[in-house]
Amino acid sequence: MLDDYFAHLKRSAIVLQPKQPFKDWVVAVSPGLDLKDDDMETNVYLAPAYGSKAEMEKWLKKNFSELFEEELFGWIIDETMWPKKRTFKMFCDWFDYSLHPIILDTQKGWIEKT
């Protein structure tokens, strides 16, 4: 039985994949940067536990700004260089995202935060 091996985490996950407009912005604000396709990693963000993707979508629309800022900060720490008007539409133009309401922990022991 699955529960014998995997524990359900009381979280959902949002997976963000940078799209070309984000990559173009990084290169534009970082002269001389030779950015290759595999240089940008997909990030996974844990969110509150939700039972459906529709509930997660609602949460994301309210909280996209924090995720957007984290992605920007991962490349450019100078906030004055960030785009000023960051909307949910811009977020969707810059990132593909997938929503995962069920997270299974395949490891035994505590989850450590760093």
N, C-alpha and C. Protein backbone atom coordinates (compact mmCIF):
# COMPACT_ATOMS: atom_id res chain seq x y z
N MET A 1 0.85 -1.18 0.00
CA MET A 1 0.00 0.00 0.00
C MET A 1 0.89 1.24 0.00
N LEU A 2 0.49 2.25 -0.72
CA LEU A 2 1.28 3.47 -0.89
C LEU A 2 1.61 4.14 0.44
N ASP A 3 0.66 4.22 1.36
CA ASP A 3 0.91 4.89 2.63
C ASP A 3 2.00 4.22 3.46
N ASP A 4 2.29 2.96 3.16
CA ASP A 4 3.36 2.27 3.87
C ASP A 4 4.73 2.81 3.46
N TYR A 5 4.82 3.45 2.29
CA TYR A 5 6.10 3.92 1.77
C TYR A 5 6.22 5.44 1.72
N PHE A 6 5.13 6.11 1.40
CA PHE A 6 5.18 7.55 1.20
C PHE A 6 4.24 8.26 2.17
N ALA A 7 4.71 9.35 2.74
CA ALA A 7 3.87 10.16 3.62
C ALA A 7 3.33 11.35 2.85
N HIS A 8 2.08 11.68 3.07
CA HIS A 8 1.48 12.86 2.45
C HIS A 8 1.91 14.09 3.25
N LEU A 9 2.45 15.07 2.56
CA LEU A 9 2.79 16.33 3.21
C LEU A 9 1.57 17.24 3.17
N LYS A 10 1.41 18.02 4.18
CA LYS A 10 0.29 18.97 4.22
C LYS A 10 0.71 20.24 3.50
N ARG A 11 1.03 20.08 2.22
CA ARG A 11 1.44 21.18 1.37
C ARG A 11 1.03 20.86 -0.06
N SER A 12 0.99 21.89 -0.87
CA SER A 12 0.85 21.77 -2.31
C SER A 12 2.15 22.28 -2.91
N ALA A 13 2.34 22.09 -4.20
CA ALA A 13 3.56 22.58 -4.84
C ALA A 13 3.22 23.35 -6.12
N ILE A 14 3.98 24.41 -6.32
CA ILE A 14 3.90 25.19 -7.55
C ILE A 14 5.27 25.10 -8.20
N VAL A 15 5.30 24.63 -9.43
CA VAL A 15 6.56 24.49 -10.16
C VAL A 15 6.62 25.62 -11.18
N LEU A 16 7.70 26.42 -11.11
CA LEU A 16 7.89 27.55 -12.04
C LEU A 16 9.03 27.26 -13.00
N GLN A 17 8.74 27.45 -14.27
CA GLN A 17 9.74 27.29 -15.33
C GLN A 17 9.87 28.62 -16.05
N PRO A 18 11.05 29.25 -16.02
CA PRO A 18 11.23 30.52 -16.74
C PRO A 18 10.99 30.37 -18.24
N LYS A 19 10.31 31.37 -18.80
CA LYS A 19 10.07 31.42 -20.24
C LYS A 19 11.01 32.45 -20.86
N GLN A 20 10.96 32.56 -22.17
CA GLN A 20 11.90 33.42 -22.89
C GLN A 20 11.89 34.88 -22.44
N PRO A 21 10.74 35.50 -22.15
CA PRO A 21 10.80 36.90 -21.70
C PRO A 21 11.62 37.09 -20.41
N PHE A 22 11.55 36.14 -19.49
CA PHE A 22 12.36 36.23 -18.28
C PHE A 22 13.84 36.10 -18.62
N LYS A 23 14.16 35.14 -19.48
CA LYS A 23 15.55 34.94 -19.90
C LYS A 23 16.08 36.18 -20.60
N ASP A 24 15.25 36.78 -21.45
CA ASP A 24 15.65 37.99 -22.16
C ASP A 24 15.92 39.13 -21.19
N TRP A 25 15.09 39.25 -20.16
CA TRP A 25 15.29 40.29 -19.15
C TRP A 25 16.61 40.08 -18.41
N VAL A 26 16.89 38.85 -18.01
CA VAL A 26 18.14 38.55 -17.29
C VAL A 26 19.34 38.96 -18.13
N VAL A 27 19.33 38.60 -19.39
CA VAL A 27 20.44 38.94 -20.28
C VAL A 27 20.54 40.46 -20.47
N ALA A 28 19.39 41.14 -20.59
CA ALA A 28 19.38 42.59 -20.81
C ALA A 28 19.96 43.36 -19.63
N VAL A 29 19.72 42.89 -18.41
CA VAL A 29 20.22 43.61 -17.23
C VAL A 29 21.57 43.08 -16.75
N SER A 30 22.09 42.07 -17.43
CA SER A 30 23.38 41.48 -17.08
C SER A 30 24.28 41.44 -18.31
N PRO A 31 24.78 42.61 -18.74
CA PRO A 31 25.62 42.64 -19.94
C PRO A 31 26.80 41.66 -19.82
N GLY A 32 27.03 40.96 -20.89
CA GLY A 32 28.15 40.01 -20.91
C GLY A 32 27.79 38.62 -20.41
N LEU A 33 26.59 38.45 -19.88
CA LEU A 33 26.18 37.14 -19.39
C LEU A 33 25.89 36.22 -20.57
N ASP A 34 26.53 35.07 -20.57
CA ASP A 34 26.29 34.07 -21.61
C ASP A 34 25.35 33.02 -21.01
N LEU A 35 24.07 33.23 -21.22
CA LEU A 35 23.05 32.39 -20.61
C LEU A 35 22.68 31.25 -21.55
N LYS A 36 22.84 30.06 -21.07
CA LYS A 36 22.48 28.88 -21.85
C LYS A 36 21.10 28.38 -21.38
N ASP A 37 20.44 27.61 -22.23
CA ASP A 37 19.10 27.14 -21.92
C ASP A 37 19.02 26.39 -20.59
N ASP A 38 20.04 25.60 -20.28
CA ASP A 38 19.99 24.81 -19.06
C ASP A 38 20.51 25.56 -17.83
N ASP A 39 20.85 26.84 -17.98
CA ASP A 39 21.31 27.63 -16.83
C ASP A 39 20.16 28.02 -15.90
N MET A 40 18.97 28.07 -16.41
CA MET A 40 17.81 28.46 -15.61
C MET A 40 17.09 27.22 -15.13
N GLU A 41 17.08 27.06 -13.84
CA GLU A 41 16.46 25.88 -13.25
C GLU A 41 14.98 26.11 -13.00
N THR A 42 14.27 25.02 -12.96
CA THR A 42 12.88 25.05 -12.55
C THR A 42 12.85 25.07 -11.04
N ASN A 43 12.08 25.97 -10.45
CA ASN A 43 11.97 26.04 -9.00
C ASN A 43 10.62 25.50 -8.55
N VAL A 44 10.63 24.88 -7.39
CA VAL A 44 9.41 24.33 -6.80
C VAL A 44 9.16 25.07 -5.50
N TYR A 45 7.95 25.59 -5.37
CA TYR A 45 7.55 26.32 -4.17
C TYR A 45 6.44 25.56 -3.47
N LEU A 46 6.61 25.34 -2.18
CA LEU A 46 5.55 24.70 -1.41
C LEU A 46 4.54 25.76 -0.99
N ALA A 47 3.28 25.41 -1.10
CA ALA A 47 2.19 26.31 -0.77
C ALA A 47 1.29 25.61 0.25
N PRO A 48 0.31 26.32 0.78
CA PRO A 48 -0.63 25.65 1.70
C PRO A 48 -1.29 24.45 1.03
N ALA A 49 -1.74 23.52 1.85
CA ALA A 49 -2.40 22.32 1.33
C ALA A 49 -3.76 22.70 0.76
N TYR A 50 -4.00 22.31 -0.47
CA TYR A 50 -5.28 22.53 -1.13
C TYR A 50 -5.73 21.23 -1.76
N GLY A 51 -7.03 21.07 -1.89
CA GLY A 51 -7.58 19.85 -2.45
C GLY A 51 -7.76 19.89 -3.95
N SER A 52 -7.58 21.08 -4.55
CA SER A 52 -7.80 21.17 -5.99
C SER A 52 -6.87 22.21 -6.61
N LYS A 53 -6.69 22.07 -7.90
CA LYS A 53 -5.88 23.04 -8.63
C LYS A 53 -6.58 24.40 -8.68
N ALA A 54 -7.90 24.40 -8.68
CA ALA A 54 -8.65 25.67 -8.70
C ALA A 54 -8.37 26.48 -7.44
N GLU A 55 -8.31 25.81 -6.29
CA GLU A 55 -7.99 26.49 -5.04
C GLU A 55 -6.55 27.03 -5.08
N MET A 56 -5.66 26.25 -5.65
CA MET A 56 -4.26 26.67 -5.75
C MET A 56 -4.12 27.87 -6.68
N GLU A 57 -4.88 27.86 -7.77
CA GLU A 57 -4.84 28.96 -8.73
C GLU A 57 -5.27 30.26 -8.04
N LYS A 58 -6.29 30.17 -7.22
CA LYS A 58 -6.76 31.34 -6.47
C LYS A 58 -5.66 31.85 -5.54
N TRP A 59 -4.99 30.94 -4.85
CA TRP A 59 -3.89 31.32 -3.95
C TRP A 59 -2.76 31.96 -4.74
N LEU A 60 -2.43 31.37 -5.88
CA LEU A 60 -1.34 31.89 -6.70
C LEU A 60 -1.64 33.31 -7.19
N LYS A 61 -2.85 33.57 -7.60
CA LYS A 61 -3.22 34.90 -8.08
C LYS A 61 -3.07 35.95 -6.98
N LYS A 62 -3.27 35.54 -5.73
CA LYS A 62 -3.11 36.47 -4.59
C LYS A 62 -1.65 36.62 -4.18
N ASN A 63 -0.83 35.60 -4.44
CA ASN A 63 0.53 35.56 -3.89
C ASN A 63 1.63 35.49 -4.94
N PHE A 64 1.29 35.69 -6.21
CA PHE A 64 2.29 35.56 -7.27
C PHE A 64 3.46 36.53 -7.09
N SER A 65 3.19 37.68 -6.50
CA SER A 65 4.21 38.71 -6.38
C SER A 65 5.43 38.22 -5.60
N GLU A 66 5.21 37.50 -4.52
CA GLU A 66 6.33 37.00 -3.72
C GLU A 66 7.15 35.98 -4.51
N LEU A 67 6.49 35.13 -5.27
CA LEU A 67 7.21 34.15 -6.09
C LEU A 67 7.99 34.86 -7.20
N PHE A 68 7.35 35.85 -7.81
CA PHE A 68 7.98 36.63 -8.87
C PHE A 68 9.25 37.28 -8.33
N GLU A 69 9.14 37.92 -7.16
CA GLU A 69 10.29 38.59 -6.56
C GLU A 69 11.41 37.61 -6.23
N GLU A 70 11.06 36.45 -5.77
CA GLU A 70 12.08 35.43 -5.46
C GLU A 70 12.82 35.02 -6.73
N GLU A 71 12.10 34.86 -7.81
CA GLU A 71 12.73 34.51 -9.08
C GLU A 71 13.64 35.64 -9.57
N LEU A 72 13.19 36.89 -9.47
CA LEU A 72 14.02 38.02 -9.88
C LEU A 72 15.27 38.10 -9.01
N PHE A 73 15.09 37.96 -7.71
CA PHE A 73 16.21 38.05 -6.76
C PHE A 73 17.24 36.95 -7.00
N GLY A 74 16.78 35.80 -7.49
CA GLY A 74 17.70 34.70 -7.78
C GLY A 74 18.73 35.06 -8.84
N TRP A 75 18.44 36.08 -9.65
CA TRP A 75 19.35 36.48 -10.72
C TRP A 75 19.91 37.88 -10.51
N ILE A 76 19.08 38.80 -10.04
CA ILE A 76 19.49 40.20 -9.86
C ILE A 76 19.05 40.64 -8.48
N ILE A 77 20.01 40.91 -7.59
CA ILE A 77 19.64 41.29 -6.22
C ILE A 77 19.29 42.77 -6.09
N ASP A 78 19.67 43.58 -7.07
CA ASP A 78 19.38 45.01 -7.04
C ASP A 78 17.94 45.25 -7.49
N GLU A 79 17.06 45.50 -6.53
CA GLU A 79 15.64 45.65 -6.82
C GLU A 79 15.32 46.82 -7.74
N THR A 80 16.22 47.80 -7.80
CA THR A 80 15.97 48.94 -8.68
C THR A 80 16.03 48.54 -10.16
N MET A 81 16.61 47.38 -10.44
CA MET A 81 16.71 46.90 -11.82
C MET A 81 15.53 46.00 -12.21
N TRP A 82 14.67 45.69 -11.25
CA TRP A 82 13.53 44.82 -11.52
C TRP A 82 12.46 45.59 -12.28
N PRO A 83 11.65 44.90 -13.05
CA PRO A 83 10.50 45.55 -13.68
C PRO A 83 9.60 46.16 -12.61
N LYS A 84 9.12 47.36 -12.87
CA LYS A 84 8.35 48.09 -11.85
C LYS A 84 6.93 47.57 -11.70
N LYS A 85 6.22 47.41 -12.79
CA LYS A 85 4.82 46.99 -12.73
C LYS A 85 4.72 45.51 -13.04
N ARG A 86 4.75 44.72 -11.99
CA ARG A 86 4.68 43.27 -12.15
C ARG A 86 3.25 42.81 -11.89
N THR A 87 2.60 42.37 -12.92
CA THR A 87 1.22 41.92 -12.82
C THR A 87 1.16 40.40 -12.93
N PHE A 88 -0.01 39.86 -12.65
CA PHE A 88 -0.18 38.42 -12.81
C PHE A 88 -0.05 38.04 -14.28
N LYS A 89 -0.51 38.89 -15.18
CA LYS A 89 -0.35 38.63 -16.62
C LYS A 89 1.14 38.55 -16.97
N MET A 90 1.93 39.48 -16.46
CA MET A 90 3.37 39.46 -16.73
C MET A 90 4.00 38.20 -16.15
N PHE A 91 3.59 37.82 -14.96
CA PHE A 91 4.06 36.59 -14.33
C PHE A 91 3.80 35.40 -15.26
N CYS A 92 2.59 35.35 -15.82
CA CYS A 92 2.24 34.25 -16.72
C CYS A 92 3.00 34.32 -18.04
N ASP A 93 3.33 35.54 -18.48
CA ASP A 93 4.13 35.69 -19.69
C ASP A 93 5.58 35.26 -19.47
N TRP A 94 6.07 35.43 -18.25
CA TRP A 94 7.48 35.14 -17.94
C TRP A 94 7.72 33.73 -17.41
N PHE A 95 6.66 33.07 -16.92
CA PHE A 95 6.84 31.74 -16.32
C PHE A 95 5.71 30.81 -16.73
N ASP A 96 6.09 29.57 -17.03
CA ASP A 96 5.12 28.49 -17.08
C ASP A 96 5.01 27.98 -15.65
N TYR A 97 3.81 27.63 -15.25
CA TYR A 97 3.68 27.05 -13.92
C TYR A 97 2.76 25.85 -13.96
N SER A 98 3.02 24.94 -13.05
CA SER A 98 2.13 23.80 -12.87
C SER A 98 1.81 23.69 -11.39
N LEU A 99 0.61 23.25 -11.12
CA LEU A 99 0.10 23.17 -9.76
C LEU A 99 -0.07 21.71 -9.36
N HIS A 100 0.39 21.39 -8.16
CA HIS A 100 0.37 20.01 -7.69
C HIS A 100 -0.21 19.97 -6.27
N PRO A 101 -1.49 19.60 -6.13
CA PRO A 101 -2.13 19.62 -4.82
C PRO A 101 -1.68 18.51 -3.87
N ILE A 102 -1.09 17.47 -4.40
CA ILE A 102 -0.67 16.36 -3.53
C ILE A 102 0.85 16.22 -3.58
N ILE A 103 1.47 16.26 -2.42
CA ILE A 103 2.92 16.10 -2.30
C ILE A 103 3.18 14.86 -1.45
N LEU A 104 3.97 13.97 -1.98
CA LEU A 104 4.32 12.74 -1.26
C LEU A 104 5.79 12.79 -0.90
N ASP A 105 6.10 12.48 0.33
CA ASP A 105 7.47 12.45 0.81
C ASP A 105 7.98 11.02 0.71
N THR A 106 9.01 10.81 -0.10
CA THR A 106 9.55 9.47 -0.31
C THR A 106 10.65 9.12 0.69
N GLN A 107 10.98 10.06 1.56
CA GLN A 107 12.08 9.84 2.49
C GLN A 107 11.57 9.71 3.92
N LYS A 108 12.32 8.98 4.73
CA LYS A 108 11.98 8.87 6.15
C LYS A 108 12.70 9.99 6.90
N GLY A 109 12.20 10.33 8.03
CA GLY A 109 12.83 11.35 8.86
C GLY A 109 12.22 12.71 8.65
N TRP A 110 12.77 13.66 9.37
CA TRP A 110 12.27 15.03 9.37
C TRP A 110 12.70 15.77 8.11
N ILE A 111 11.88 16.73 7.73
CA ILE A 111 12.24 17.62 6.64
C ILE A 111 12.96 18.80 7.28
N GLU A 112 14.15 19.10 6.78
CA GLU A 112 14.94 20.18 7.34
C GLU A 112 14.79 21.43 6.49
N LYS A 113 14.64 22.56 7.17
CA LYS A 113 14.64 23.85 6.48
C LYS A 113 16.01 24.46 6.66
N THR A 114 16.50 25.10 5.59
CA THR A 114 17.80 25.76 5.69
C THR A 114 17.66 27.24 5.45
